[in-house]
Amino acid sequence: MRKIALVTTLLFWVSQVLAQFGFTTLGDVVNLRINSNGSLGVNLSNLSPSSNLTDQTSNHFLKQAGLYIIASDNIGQFHSAIQYIQGIDSFDFWPGPVDTLTNQTGNIADWDNVWSLTKEEVDYHQNNWMKSGYVPSTSIANWPANGSDGYAKYLAPFVDYNSDGIYNPELGDYPAIRGQKSAYCIFNDLAEEHTASLGVELGIEVQLMAYQLAGSETIYLEYYLINRGILDYDKIWVGFFLDGQCGNPNDNFAGTFQTYPQSVFVYNGDELDEGYFEESLPFVSATFLNENLTKSIAFDNTNKVSGAPHLVNEHIEIGQGNWKNGQQLQQGGEGIITTNKADYIFNQSQGSSNPWVEELPTNKLGERSIIGITEHDNFTAKDFIKLDVALDFGFYKSEEDRIETITAVSEQSLNNYRNVTSAKIVTSENTFSVYPNPITSSRFTLDSKHIFDLEIIDYQGITAYSASNIKKGKNVCNIHLDSGVYVLKLTTKKGVQTIKLYVSY
């Protein structure tokens, strides 16, 4: 009986792991796999690459990509949650939200899904929901808009047509997707022990909206990282990594743009992609859209200081932009021999008078992973961080035009993002203030130098309140908002200005 019980336990554990393979794909030219636990470009059942050209199924740009997060709490302990996978059962994230009160997670199987929709489907629903006999599609009907059983009231963003706070597509509500096609998933780092970083969990819930804009092959990634735990973090390093395939993975190099646009990338490092793309020289890049890139670090598949991390302390160092032994990145060569401290590895921003490229005799072609890192202070309980990244795939003709080609692609993705997501932000003049902040009741004061339109937006991008043509000067507001962090957006004839509003009852 004991043997049977052991086998049953193992089968249950395996079924829990295998349940994490819900996925969808985005991209017309490049098919990028998006998994239900948020990992990108990898088949979780066998760790094979899954970011292929649709007409060349064996040629991939990525082995994997995703988040690489390190945090330090107020007693100096480090926490880690990464999506860099080195084994079949190597996970720090699992599908599902986190209970806002108990920090318990949902059944993995219930959330083992990536919800995908096109703008065409949403438009059709908007135009037909009121017609007799109309039945919403499964994708519309099953959109995970509202949480239950202790989860956050609002999960996947939606337009609340009748303003009752409940997602009901039969009454005109519809998913608030981005672009022409979107994929949404929700995952956390609390469901099981961390077997990727081997570190202590953070207690975060991550909501990811991946989307494409019309006429663009760029995959945009909109992350909301929500601190559902009870710990306050003095410092958090939020990284996004690329584990490059680029056809033949054994002839790659990596690079960084530290100035506009801010990107990390992996590319074919010689004149031929032997056995794969051949004379077409591939690259994959990740451009940071709404956060300043503060550090980058790359590693290979060797056992050297510049090799891949395996131990928990090595992941913690790498996630802070250091080598895995704690040594700081140095400028030039392989980045190891002491010269001058550097923040960005292989920095080759366009226009640089002294670009640092890997094409040196001391640097050997091979597998490459690179992490772009943003830093934040005071990531407190119930706070959130928004990270927007553009993922691009392409080819360059020769070493001479590589920097120019990747720069142009990254710039275009950044400009497209800015055109559709933001207006001009006024920074030269403080045109309004809000107080008290944080607020502990429904009353607060807005003081503006101009007549303005007001929009209060929650962490999911949902408008919680809006009003137009508010008089300039002091305005006492009496608006009930649930506890949390909001963005106040004021639009005046001078432009648009935003400020965070903290609500704590």
Protein backbone atom coordinates (compact mmCIF):
# COMPACT_ATOMS: atom_id res chain seq x y z
CA MET A 1 0.00 0.00 0.00
CA ARG A 2 2.83 2.38 0.75
CA LYS A 3 4.29 1.84 -2.73
CA ILE A 4 0.92 2.51 -4.33
CA ALA A 5 0.53 5.67 -2.27
CA LEU A 6 3.99 6.84 -3.33
CA VAL A 7 3.23 6.24 -7.01
CA THR A 8 -0.09 8.05 -6.67
CA THR A 9 1.66 11.03 -5.08
CA LEU A 10 4.25 11.15 -7.85
CA LEU A 11 1.59 10.93 -10.54
CA PHE A 12 -0.32 13.77 -8.92
CA TRP A 13 2.82 15.91 -8.75
CA VAL A 14 3.64 15.18 -12.41
CA SER A 15 0.08 16.04 -13.43
CA GLN A 16 0.40 19.37 -11.62
CA VAL A 17 3.59 20.17 -13.54
CA LEU A 18 2.23 18.99 -16.88
CA ALA A 19 -0.90 21.08 -16.31
CA GLN A 20 1.14 24.22 -16.90
CA PHE A 21 1.29 23.86 -20.65
CA GLY A 22 -1.62 26.02 -21.76
CA PHE A 23 -0.39 28.40 -24.45
CA THR A 24 -1.21 30.49 -27.48
CA THR A 25 0.87 32.06 -30.24
CA LEU A 26 1.18 35.61 -31.56
CA GLY A 27 2.75 36.82 -34.77
CA ASP A 28 2.12 36.46 -38.48
CA VAL A 29 5.71 36.14 -39.71
CA VAL A 30 7.25 34.86 -36.47
CA ASN A 31 5.16 32.49 -34.36
CA LEU A 32 5.93 33.33 -30.70
CA ARG A 33 4.64 30.89 -28.09
CA ILE A 34 3.20 32.45 -24.92
CA ASN A 35 2.72 30.02 -22.03
CA SER A 36 0.20 30.21 -19.21
CA ASN A 37 2.94 30.75 -16.61
CA GLY A 38 4.22 33.75 -18.56
CA SER A 39 7.31 32.16 -20.13
CA LEU A 40 7.90 33.07 -23.77
CA GLY A 41 9.29 31.33 -26.84
CA VAL A 42 9.70 27.87 -25.31
CA ASN A 43 7.73 24.63 -25.40
CA LEU A 44 7.46 23.70 -21.71
CA SER A 45 6.89 20.00 -22.39
CA ASN A 46 10.41 19.47 -23.79
CA LEU A 47 12.13 22.92 -23.58
CA SER A 48 12.45 23.11 -27.36
CA PRO A 49 12.49 26.61 -28.91
CA SER A 50 9.16 27.94 -30.15
CA SER A 51 9.62 31.25 -31.97
CA ASN A 52 9.87 30.13 -35.56
CA LEU A 53 9.27 31.73 -38.92
CA THR A 54 5.86 30.47 -39.97
CA ASP A 55 7.25 29.23 -43.28
CA GLN A 56 10.42 27.76 -41.71
CA THR A 57 9.30 25.75 -38.70
CA SER A 58 12.80 24.64 -37.70
CA ASN A 59 14.33 28.13 -37.66
CA HIS A 60 13.82 29.90 -34.33
CA PHE A 61 14.89 33.26 -32.89
CA LEU A 62 14.56 32.43 -29.18
CA LYS A 63 15.20 29.57 -26.83
CA GLN A 64 13.17 31.41 -24.21
CA ALA A 65 12.49 34.86 -22.80
CA GLY A 66 10.74 36.43 -19.82
CA LEU A 67 11.08 38.07 -16.42
CA TYR A 68 14.13 37.97 -14.15
CA ILE A 69 13.26 39.58 -10.80
CA ILE A 70 15.39 40.05 -7.69
CA ALA A 71 14.31 41.98 -4.56
CA SER A 72 15.76 42.87 -1.18
CA ASP A 73 13.38 43.16 1.78
CA ASN A 74 13.68 45.49 4.76
CA ILE A 75 15.81 43.04 6.75
CA GLY A 76 18.25 42.53 3.90
CA GLN A 77 17.06 39.12 2.69
CA PHE A 78 17.05 38.55 -1.05
CA HIS A 79 14.08 37.11 -2.94
CA SER A 80 14.05 35.86 -6.53
CA ALA A 81 11.49 34.97 -9.18
CA ILE A 82 12.72 34.20 -12.67
CA GLN A 83 11.44 32.61 -15.86
CA TYR A 84 14.86 31.42 -17.02
CA ILE A 85 14.29 27.65 -17.27
CA GLN A 86 17.11 25.10 -17.09
CA GLY A 87 15.07 21.93 -16.60
CA ILE A 88 11.70 20.39 -17.41
CA ASP A 89 10.41 21.02 -13.87
CA SER A 90 12.29 24.30 -13.34
CA PHE A 91 9.65 26.91 -12.49
CA ASP A 92 9.33 29.99 -10.28
CA PHE A 93 5.95 31.00 -11.74
CA TRP A 94 2.64 29.15 -12.05
CA PRO A 95 -0.71 30.12 -13.63
CA GLY A 96 -3.29 31.93 -11.54
CA PRO A 97 -3.88 34.97 -9.31
CA VAL A 98 -3.20 35.42 -5.59
CA ASP A 99 -5.85 35.87 -2.90
CA THR A 100 -5.60 39.49 -1.76
CA LEU A 101 -6.10 38.62 1.93
CA THR A 102 -4.62 35.16 2.52
CA ASN A 103 -1.93 35.02 -0.20
CA GLN A 104 -3.30 31.64 -1.25
CA THR A 105 -3.20 30.79 -4.95
CA GLY A 106 -5.83 29.26 -7.17
CA ASN A 107 -5.91 25.78 -8.61
CA ILE A 108 -3.25 25.74 -11.33
CA ALA A 109 -5.45 23.75 -13.71
CA ASP A 110 -8.23 26.36 -13.46
CA TRP A 111 -5.89 29.09 -14.74
CA ASP A 112 -3.83 27.02 -17.17
CA ASN A 113 -4.86 29.16 -20.10
CA VAL A 114 -3.80 32.09 -22.26
CA TRP A 115 -6.85 34.06 -23.37
CA SER A 116 -6.46 35.45 -26.89
CA LEU A 117 -8.72 37.77 -28.87
CA THR A 118 -8.61 39.88 -32.01
CA LYS A 119 -9.94 43.39 -32.43
CA GLU A 120 -12.24 42.02 -35.11
CA GLU A 121 -13.87 39.65 -32.58
CA VAL A 122 -14.32 42.43 -30.03
CA ASP A 123 -15.73 44.83 -32.63
CA TYR A 124 -18.21 42.20 -33.78
CA HIS A 125 -19.40 41.71 -30.21
CA GLN A 126 -19.78 45.45 -29.67
CA ASN A 127 -21.92 45.74 -32.80
CA ASN A 128 -24.12 42.70 -32.19
CA TRP A 129 -24.52 42.03 -28.46
CA MET A 130 -27.95 43.68 -28.31
CA LYS A 131 -29.38 41.71 -31.21
CA SER A 132 -31.95 39.00 -30.53
CA GLY A 133 -30.45 35.53 -30.54
CA TYR A 134 -26.84 36.73 -30.34
CA VAL A 135 -24.55 34.55 -28.20
CA PRO A 136 -21.05 35.82 -27.27
CA SER A 137 -18.16 33.70 -28.49
CA THR A 138 -16.36 31.50 -26.00
CA SER A 139 -13.37 33.86 -26.02
CA ILE A 140 -15.58 36.84 -25.14
CA ALA A 141 -17.70 34.93 -22.60
CA ASN A 142 -14.76 33.39 -20.74
CA TRP A 143 -12.61 36.52 -20.50
CA PRO A 144 -11.23 36.42 -16.88
CA ALA A 145 -12.36 39.91 -15.99
CA ASN A 146 -13.55 39.52 -12.39
CA GLY A 147 -11.85 37.68 -9.57
CA SER A 148 -13.77 35.66 -7.01
CA ASP A 149 -13.07 33.78 -3.77
CA GLY A 150 -10.76 36.48 -2.46
CA TYR A 151 -8.97 37.39 -5.70
CA ALA A 152 -8.87 40.99 -6.87
CA LYS A 153 -12.24 42.23 -8.10
CA TYR A 154 -10.73 43.29 -11.43
CA LEU A 155 -8.30 41.01 -13.29
CA ALA A 156 -8.26 41.07 -17.10
CA PRO A 157 -9.19 44.61 -18.22
CA PHE A 158 -12.66 45.14 -19.67
CA VAL A 159 -15.04 47.92 -20.62
CA ASP A 160 -17.93 48.01 -18.17
CA TYR A 161 -20.76 49.10 -20.48
CA ASN A 162 -23.38 49.48 -17.73
CA SER A 163 -20.94 50.53 -14.97
CA ASP A 164 -22.01 47.86 -12.48
CA GLY A 165 -18.48 46.57 -11.84
CA ILE A 166 -19.33 43.06 -13.07
CA TYR A 167 -18.20 41.67 -16.40
CA ASN A 168 -21.31 40.60 -18.29
CA PRO A 169 -20.92 40.44 -22.09
CA GLU A 170 -24.67 39.77 -22.49
CA LEU A 171 -25.18 43.35 -21.22
CA GLY A 172 -22.64 44.93 -23.55
CA ASP A 173 -19.38 44.54 -21.62
CA TYR A 174 -16.34 43.54 -23.64
CA PRO A 175 -12.60 42.81 -23.16
CA ALA A 176 -10.32 45.84 -23.26
CA ILE A 177 -7.59 44.37 -25.43
CA ARG A 178 -4.75 46.27 -27.06
CA GLY A 179 -3.90 46.42 -30.75
CA GLN A 180 -5.20 44.08 -33.44
CA LYS A 181 -4.63 40.90 -31.46
CA SER A 182 -4.00 40.33 -27.76
CA ALA A 183 -3.10 37.45 -25.47
CA TYR A 184 -3.61 37.66 -21.71
CA CYS A 185 -2.40 35.46 -18.86
CA ILE A 186 -2.08 35.79 -15.09
CA PHE A 187 0.55 34.03 -13.00
CA ASN A 188 2.23 34.12 -9.59
CA ASP A 189 5.40 33.04 -7.78
CA LEU A 190 3.65 31.58 -4.71
CA ALA A 191 2.01 28.33 -5.80
CA GLU A 192 5.05 26.06 -5.33
CA GLU A 193 8.70 26.15 -4.27
CA HIS A 194 11.03 27.95 -6.64
CA THR A 195 12.94 25.42 -8.71
CA ALA A 196 14.29 27.86 -11.31
CA SER A 197 16.11 30.40 -9.11
CA LEU A 198 16.03 28.19 -5.97
CA GLY A 199 15.34 31.37 -4.01
CA VAL A 200 12.71 32.75 -1.65
CA GLU A 201 9.43 33.87 -3.23
CA LEU A 202 8.40 37.53 -3.48
CA GLY A 203 4.64 37.06 -3.25
CA ILE A 204 3.84 38.69 -6.58
CA GLU A 205 1.02 38.32 -9.05
CA VAL A 206 1.84 39.17 -12.66
CA GLN A 207 -0.71 40.10 -15.29
CA LEU A 208 0.59 40.05 -18.86
CA MET A 209 -1.07 41.47 -21.94
CA ALA A 210 0.86 40.64 -25.12
CA TYR A 211 -0.35 42.35 -28.28
CA GLN A 212 0.35 43.37 -31.85
CA LEU A 213 -0.40 46.72 -33.45
CA ALA A 214 -1.84 47.05 -36.94
CA GLY A 215 0.80 46.75 -39.65
CA SER A 216 3.56 45.72 -37.21
CA GLU A 217 5.21 42.39 -36.43
CA THR A 218 6.46 43.63 -33.06
CA ILE A 219 5.15 41.74 -30.04
CA TYR A 220 4.40 44.24 -27.26
CA LEU A 221 4.45 42.96 -23.67
CA GLU A 222 2.58 44.88 -20.98
CA TYR A 223 3.38 43.56 -17.49
CA TYR A 224 1.72 44.50 -14.22
CA LEU A 225 3.73 43.18 -11.27
CA ILE A 226 1.59 43.40 -8.13
CA ASN A 227 2.96 42.86 -4.63
CA ARG A 228 0.23 40.67 -3.11
CA GLY A 229 2.35 39.74 -0.10
CA ILE A 230 2.91 41.42 3.25
CA LEU A 231 6.57 42.31 2.75
CA ASP A 232 7.92 45.69 1.75
CA TYR A 233 10.98 45.61 -0.48
CA ASP A 234 13.64 48.30 -0.16
CA LYS A 235 14.93 47.52 -3.64
CA ILE A 236 13.72 45.50 -6.61
CA TRP A 237 15.51 44.73 -9.86
CA VAL A 238 13.01 43.95 -12.63
CA GLY A 239 14.77 42.33 -15.55
CA PHE A 240 13.70 41.00 -18.91
CA PHE A 241 15.96 38.39 -20.51
CA LEU A 242 16.52 36.95 -23.96
CA ASP A 243 18.00 33.47 -24.29
CA GLY A 244 18.91 33.63 -27.94
CA GLN A 245 18.58 30.91 -30.53
CA CYS A 246 18.99 32.92 -33.75
CA GLY A 247 18.94 29.81 -35.92
CA ASN A 248 22.24 28.15 -35.00
CA PRO A 249 22.68 28.95 -31.27
CA ASN A 250 26.43 28.29 -31.30
CA ASP A 251 27.52 31.37 -33.26
CA ASN A 252 25.84 34.19 -31.35
CA PHE A 253 26.88 37.43 -29.66
CA ALA A 254 24.90 39.90 -27.53
CA GLY A 255 24.63 43.67 -27.21
CA THR A 256 23.00 46.65 -25.51
CA PHE A 257 21.74 50.07 -26.50
CA GLN A 258 21.90 52.22 -23.34
CA THR A 259 20.57 55.37 -25.03
CA TYR A 260 17.49 55.94 -27.18
CA PRO A 261 16.27 53.36 -27.93
CA GLN A 262 17.15 51.33 -24.83
CA SER A 263 17.42 47.70 -25.93
CA VAL A 264 19.17 44.39 -25.34
CA PHE A 265 19.64 41.93 -28.18
CA VAL A 266 21.21 38.66 -29.34
CA TYR A 267 22.44 38.27 -32.90
CA ASN A 268 24.30 35.93 -35.25
CA GLY A 269 27.92 36.85 -34.65
CA ASP A 270 29.62 35.76 -37.87
CA GLU A 271 28.95 36.01 -41.61
CA LEU A 272 26.84 32.86 -41.97
CA ASP A 273 24.15 31.15 -39.87
CA GLU A 274 25.35 27.64 -40.67
CA GLY A 275 22.63 25.04 -41.15
CA TYR A 276 19.73 27.37 -40.36
CA PHE A 277 19.10 30.86 -41.77
CA GLU A 278 22.36 30.64 -43.77
CA GLU A 279 23.09 34.05 -45.39
CA SER A 280 20.19 35.75 -43.59
CA LEU A 281 21.73 36.96 -40.33
CA PRO A 282 19.10 36.86 -37.53
CA PHE A 283 18.66 38.93 -34.38
CA VAL A 284 16.14 39.25 -31.58
CA SER A 285 15.79 42.42 -29.48
CA ALA A 286 13.90 43.62 -26.43
CA THR A 287 13.29 47.36 -26.17
CA PHE A 288 12.30 48.96 -22.86
CA LEU A 289 9.41 51.32 -23.47
CA ASN A 290 8.27 52.90 -20.19
CA GLU A 291 11.19 52.31 -17.80
CA ASN A 292 14.81 53.42 -17.93
CA LEU A 293 17.22 50.60 -18.60
CA THR A 294 19.71 50.90 -15.73
CA LYS A 295 21.89 47.82 -16.26
CA SER A 296 22.47 44.86 -18.55
CA ILE A 297 24.47 41.66 -18.24
CA ALA A 298 25.03 38.72 -20.61
CA PHE A 299 26.21 35.18 -20.08
CA ASP A 300 27.13 32.09 -22.11
CA ASN A 301 26.87 28.33 -21.50
CA THR A 302 30.38 27.83 -20.10
CA ASN A 303 31.52 27.32 -16.51
CA LYS A 304 33.48 30.59 -16.50
CA VAL A 305 32.62 33.66 -14.47
CA SER A 306 30.69 34.81 -17.54
CA GLY A 307 28.75 31.54 -17.70
CA ALA A 308 25.13 30.80 -16.86
CA PRO A 309 23.98 31.02 -13.22
CA HIS A 310 22.90 27.83 -11.45
CA LEU A 311 22.96 28.50 -7.69
CA VAL A 312 20.61 30.86 -5.89
CA ASN A 313 23.38 33.36 -5.05
CA GLU A 314 24.47 33.35 -8.69
CA HIS A 315 20.93 34.18 -9.85
CA ILE A 316 20.78 37.01 -7.29
CA GLU A 317 24.06 38.51 -8.54
CA ILE A 318 23.16 38.17 -12.22
CA GLY A 319 19.75 39.75 -11.56
CA GLN A 320 21.50 42.83 -10.16
CA GLY A 321 23.71 43.20 -13.22
CA ASN A 322 26.86 41.60 -11.76
CA TRP A 323 28.76 38.49 -12.77
CA LYS A 324 27.55 35.36 -11.00
CA ASN A 325 30.45 35.45 -8.49
CA GLY A 326 29.52 38.97 -7.43
CA GLN A 327 32.24 40.68 -9.45
CA GLN A 328 31.11 43.93 -11.04
CA LEU A 329 30.92 44.27 -14.81
CA GLN A 330 34.00 45.95 -16.31
CA GLN A 331 34.24 47.97 -19.50
CA GLY A 332 35.75 46.27 -22.57
CA GLY A 333 36.74 42.81 -23.74
CA GLU A 334 34.70 40.12 -22.01
CA GLY A 335 33.75 42.57 -19.25
CA ILE A 336 35.82 40.77 -16.61
CA ILE A 337 39.37 42.17 -16.52
CA THR A 338 39.45 45.19 -14.22
CA THR A 339 39.43 48.47 -16.13
CA ASN A 340 36.47 50.72 -15.37
CA LYS A 341 33.12 49.69 -13.92
CA ALA A 342 30.34 49.45 -16.50
CA ASP A 343 26.56 49.32 -16.16
CA TYR A 344 25.79 48.01 -19.65
CA ILE A 345 27.46 45.04 -21.29
CA PHE A 346 28.58 45.27 -24.93
CA ASN A 347 27.13 48.77 -25.22
CA GLN A 348 27.02 49.82 -28.86
CA SER A 349 24.45 52.60 -29.03
CA GLN A 350 24.30 54.27 -32.41
CA GLY A 351 26.54 57.33 -32.58
CA SER A 352 28.82 56.11 -29.81
CA SER A 353 32.44 57.18 -30.38
CA ASN A 354 33.76 54.00 -28.76
CA PRO A 355 31.26 51.15 -29.14
CA TRP A 356 31.90 47.99 -27.13
CA VAL A 357 31.17 45.04 -29.39
CA GLU A 358 31.86 41.34 -28.91
CA GLU A 359 33.66 41.00 -32.24
CA LEU A 360 37.08 40.74 -30.59
CA PRO A 361 39.65 37.90 -30.65
CA THR A 362 39.14 37.32 -26.89
CA ASN A 363 35.39 36.76 -27.27
CA LYS A 364 34.30 33.40 -28.60
CA LEU A 365 31.10 32.78 -30.53
CA GLY A 366 28.54 30.65 -28.74
CA GLU A 367 25.23 30.59 -26.90
CA ARG A 368 24.20 33.94 -25.43
CA SER A 369 21.61 35.17 -22.96
CA ILE A 370 21.24 38.82 -22.00
CA ILE A 371 19.19 40.59 -19.34
CA GLY A 372 18.06 44.22 -19.38
CA ILE A 373 17.40 45.50 -15.86
CA THR A 374 15.33 48.32 -14.39
CA GLU A 375 15.64 49.30 -10.72
CA HIS A 376 13.01 50.50 -8.25
CA ASP A 377 13.13 51.60 -4.63
CA ASN A 378 10.41 50.85 -2.07
CA PHE A 379 8.24 48.19 -3.68
CA THR A 380 5.76 48.06 -0.82
CA ALA A 381 2.95 45.61 -0.09
CA LYS A 382 -0.01 46.15 -2.46
CA ASP A 383 2.11 48.34 -4.77
CA PHE A 384 2.63 47.54 -8.44
CA ILE A 385 5.19 48.05 -11.18
CA LYS A 386 4.29 48.39 -14.84
CA LEU A 387 6.83 47.25 -17.41
CA ASP A 388 6.36 47.57 -21.18
CA VAL A 389 8.73 45.76 -23.54
CA ALA A 390 8.80 45.48 -27.33
CA LEU A 391 10.04 42.16 -28.72
CA ASP A 392 11.38 42.27 -32.28
CA PHE A 393 12.76 39.65 -34.66
CA GLY A 394 14.63 40.37 -37.86
CA PHE A 395 17.71 40.10 -40.06
CA TYR A 396 20.66 42.33 -40.85
CA LYS A 397 22.84 42.23 -43.94
CA SER A 398 26.36 42.56 -42.58
CA GLU A 399 28.39 43.57 -39.53
CA GLU A 400 28.68 47.08 -40.94
CA ASP A 401 24.92 47.76 -40.87
CA ARG A 402 23.96 45.61 -37.86
CA ILE A 403 23.81 48.43 -35.29
CA GLU A 404 21.90 50.66 -37.71
CA THR A 405 19.38 47.90 -38.56
CA ILE A 406 18.60 46.89 -34.96
CA THR A 407 18.47 50.55 -33.90
CA ALA A 408 15.96 51.37 -36.64
CA VAL A 409 13.71 48.44 -35.69
CA SER A 410 13.85 49.35 -31.98
CA GLU A 411 13.15 53.02 -32.67
CA GLN A 412 10.15 52.16 -34.81
CA SER A 413 8.71 49.91 -32.09
CA LEU A 414 9.23 52.60 -29.47
CA ASN A 415 7.64 55.30 -31.64
CA ASN A 416 4.64 53.10 -32.46
CA TYR A 417 4.16 52.42 -28.75
CA ARG A 418 4.29 56.11 -27.89
CA ASN A 419 1.85 57.01 -30.63
CA VAL A 420 -0.84 54.64 -29.40
CA THR A 421 -0.36 54.70 -25.63
CA SER A 422 0.62 58.19 -24.57
CA ALA A 423 0.26 61.86 -25.31
CA LYS A 424 2.79 64.56 -24.63
CA ILE A 425 3.78 64.61 -20.96
CA VAL A 426 4.37 68.04 -19.39
CA THR A 427 7.55 67.90 -17.35
CA SER A 428 8.94 71.42 -17.52
CA GLU A 429 6.23 72.88 -15.29
CA ASN A 430 4.43 71.43 -12.30
CA THR A 431 0.89 72.26 -13.44
CA PHE A 432 -1.02 70.48 -10.69
CA SER A 433 -0.72 68.85 -7.28
CA VAL A 434 -2.80 66.44 -5.23
CA TYR A 435 -2.98 66.24 -1.43
CA PRO A 436 -3.05 64.47 0.87
CA ASN A 437 -1.22 61.65 -0.88
CA PRO A 438 -1.59 58.89 0.28
CA ILE A 439 -5.26 59.55 0.99
CA THR A 440 -7.11 57.76 3.79
CA SER A 441 -10.67 58.79 2.93
CA SER A 442 -12.71 59.68 -0.15
CA ARG A 443 -11.73 63.36 0.11
CA PHE A 444 -8.66 64.88 -1.48
CA THR A 445 -7.73 68.15 -3.16
CA LEU A 446 -6.56 68.79 -6.71
CA ASP A 447 -4.82 72.10 -7.36
CA SER A 448 -4.31 73.00 -11.02
CA LYS A 449 -3.10 76.12 -12.81
CA HIS A 450 -5.33 75.42 -15.80
CA ILE A 451 -8.81 74.17 -16.66
CA PHE A 452 -8.44 70.42 -17.00
CA ASP A 453 -9.97 67.07 -17.82
CA LEU A 454 -9.46 64.45 -15.14
CA GLU A 455 -9.05 60.70 -15.49
CA ILE A 456 -8.26 58.35 -12.61
CA ILE A 457 -6.87 55.03 -13.85
CA ASP A 458 -6.29 51.91 -11.76
CA TYR A 459 -3.31 49.56 -12.10
CA GLN A 460 -5.10 47.55 -14.80
CA GLY A 461 -5.55 50.57 -17.02
CA ILE A 462 -9.28 50.77 -16.24
CA THR A 463 -10.73 54.25 -15.79
CA ALA A 464 -12.18 54.44 -12.27
CA TYR A 465 -13.37 58.05 -12.64
CA SER A 466 -13.36 60.80 -15.25
CA ALA A 467 -14.62 64.38 -15.55
CA SER A 468 -14.22 67.22 -18.06
CA ASN A 469 -13.69 70.99 -17.94
CA ILE A 470 -12.87 71.21 -14.24
CA LYS A 471 -12.09 74.79 -13.17
CA LYS A 472 -8.54 75.78 -12.37
CA GLY A 473 -7.48 76.34 -8.80
CA LYS A 474 -8.27 74.17 -5.79
CA ASN A 475 -10.87 71.47 -6.28
CA VAL A 476 -11.98 69.32 -3.34
CA CYS A 477 -12.87 65.86 -4.62
CA ASN A 478 -15.11 63.32 -2.91
CA ILE A 479 -14.52 60.14 -4.92
CA HIS A 480 -14.61 56.67 -3.43
CA LEU A 481 -11.74 54.51 -4.67
CA ASP A 482 -10.77 51.05 -3.51
CA SER A 483 -7.44 50.85 -1.68
CA GLY A 484 -4.53 50.67 -4.10
CA VAL A 485 -2.36 52.72 -6.43
CA TYR A 486 -3.86 54.86 -9.18
CA VAL A 487 -2.65 57.19 -11.89
CA LEU A 488 -4.22 60.65 -12.04
CA LYS A 489 -4.11 61.99 -15.57
CA LEU A 490 -4.85 65.69 -16.11
CA THR A 491 -5.21 67.05 -19.63
CA THR A 492 -4.94 70.79 -20.19
CA LYS A 493 -4.18 73.05 -23.13
CA LYS A 494 -0.54 72.68 -22.09
CA GLY A 495 -0.58 68.93 -22.58
CA VAL A 496 -0.92 65.91 -20.30
CA GLN A 497 0.55 65.35 -16.87
CA THR A 498 0.27 62.30 -14.61
CA ILE A 499 0.90 61.58 -10.95
CA LYS A 500 0.47 58.49 -8.77
CA LEU A 501 -2.27 58.53 -6.16
CA TYR A 502 -2.05 56.15 -3.20
CA VAL A 503 -5.28 55.13 -1.49
CA SER A 504 -5.17 53.37 1.90
CA TYR A 505 -8.22 53.17 4.17
